[in-house]
Amino acid sequence: MSDVLTQLAAVLETRKSAQPDSSYVASLHAKGLNKILEKVGEECTETLIAAKDAQRSGNSDELVNETADLWFHCMVMLSNLGVG
């Protein structure tokens, strides 16, 4: 797993200097930290809702997907702040 996260962190780092129209991550970096934090907050809320839904339904598929989205946007945030 650490190899995957290391590779993702390297890609995120390269996207910091890419043209905003070249990728979703580059566009987030271009919009700045506030936009990135907005996405982290949005994904956090979606993760919380998915957790409650998983508790009721017993199906955790959506929870896993939303957690992955949250982690991804947290990694974008860390990259933007220069935290490796």
Protein backbone atom coordinates (compact mmCIF):
# COMPACT_ATOMS: atom_id res chain seq x y z
CA MET A 1 0.00 0.00 0.00
CA SER A 2 2.80 2.43 0.79
CA ASP A 3 4.10 2.07 -2.78
CA VAL A 4 0.74 3.16 -4.15
CA LEU A 5 0.60 6.15 -1.83
CA THR A 6 4.18 7.09 -2.69
CA GLN A 7 3.37 6.93 -6.41
CA LEU A 8 0.20 8.97 -5.92
CA ALA A 9 2.09 11.59 -3.91
CA ALA A 10 4.65 11.88 -6.73
CA VAL A 11 1.90 12.38 -9.32
CA LEU A 12 0.17 14.96 -7.15
CA GLU A 13 3.45 16.82 -6.78
CA THR A 14 3.94 17.02 -10.56
CA ARG A 15 0.39 18.33 -10.98
CA LYS A 16 1.18 21.36 -8.80
CA SER A 17 3.10 22.94 -11.66
CA ALA A 18 0.92 21.64 -14.50
CA GLN A 19 -1.48 23.77 -16.52
CA PRO A 20 -4.89 24.00 -14.81
CA ASP A 21 -6.69 22.62 -17.85
CA SER A 22 -4.43 19.55 -18.00
CA SER A 23 -5.94 17.69 -15.02
CA TYR A 24 -8.44 17.88 -12.20
CA VAL A 25 -5.66 18.08 -9.58
CA ALA A 26 -3.84 20.83 -11.49
CA SER A 27 -7.10 22.80 -11.60
CA LEU A 28 -7.52 22.40 -7.82
CA HIS A 29 -3.97 23.61 -7.18
CA ALA A 30 -4.57 26.58 -9.47
CA LYS A 31 -7.75 27.50 -7.55
CA GLY A 32 -5.82 27.47 -4.30
CA LEU A 33 -6.05 26.08 -0.80
CA ASN A 34 -9.56 27.35 -0.05
CA LYS A 35 -11.01 25.37 -2.99
CA ILE A 36 -9.06 22.29 -1.95
CA LEU A 37 -10.34 22.62 1.62
CA GLU A 38 -13.87 23.00 0.29
CA LYS A 39 -13.47 19.67 -1.53
CA VAL A 40 -12.06 18.02 1.61
CA GLY A 41 -15.07 19.24 3.58
CA GLU A 42 -17.49 18.06 0.90
CA GLU A 43 -15.88 14.62 0.78
CA CYS A 44 -15.87 14.43 4.58
CA THR A 45 -19.60 15.08 4.70
CA GLU A 46 -20.23 12.48 2.00
CA THR A 47 -18.12 9.97 3.94
CA LEU A 48 -20.10 10.57 7.13
CA ILE A 49 -23.40 10.09 5.31
CA ALA A 50 -22.10 6.92 3.65
CA ALA A 51 -21.07 5.57 7.07
CA LYS A 52 -24.57 6.10 8.44
CA ASP A 53 -26.06 4.48 5.31
CA ALA A 54 -23.67 1.52 5.65
CA GLN A 55 -24.71 1.06 9.26
CA ARG A 56 -28.37 0.87 8.22
CA SER A 57 -27.95 -1.23 5.07
CA GLY A 58 -24.96 -3.39 5.95
CA ASN A 59 -23.44 -2.50 2.56
CA SER A 60 -20.15 -0.63 2.84
CA ASP A 61 -19.36 -0.21 -0.89
CA GLU A 62 -20.29 3.48 -0.98
CA LEU A 63 -18.47 4.09 2.30
CA VAL A 64 -15.26 2.68 0.83
CA ASN A 65 -15.66 4.84 -2.29
CA GLU A 66 -16.31 8.01 -0.31
CA THR A 67 -13.42 7.30 2.05
CA ALA A 68 -11.11 6.92 -0.93
CA ASP A 69 -12.33 10.28 -2.27
CA LEU A 70 -11.70 11.88 1.12
CA TRP A 71 -8.20 10.44 1.39
CA PHE A 72 -7.41 11.56 -2.16
CA HIS A 73 -8.48 15.14 -1.52
CA CYS A 74 -6.57 15.14 1.79
CA MET A 75 -3.47 14.10 -0.15
CA VAL A 76 -4.06 16.98 -2.59
CA MET A 77 -4.31 19.31 0.42
CA LEU A 78 -1.07 17.97 1.90
CA SER A 79 0.65 18.34 -1.47
CA ASN A 80 -0.57 21.92 -1.80
CA LEU A 81 0.86 22.70 1.62
CA GLY A 82 4.19 21.07 0.80
CA VAL A 83 3.71 18.19 3.23
CA GLY A 84 5.08 15.00 1.74
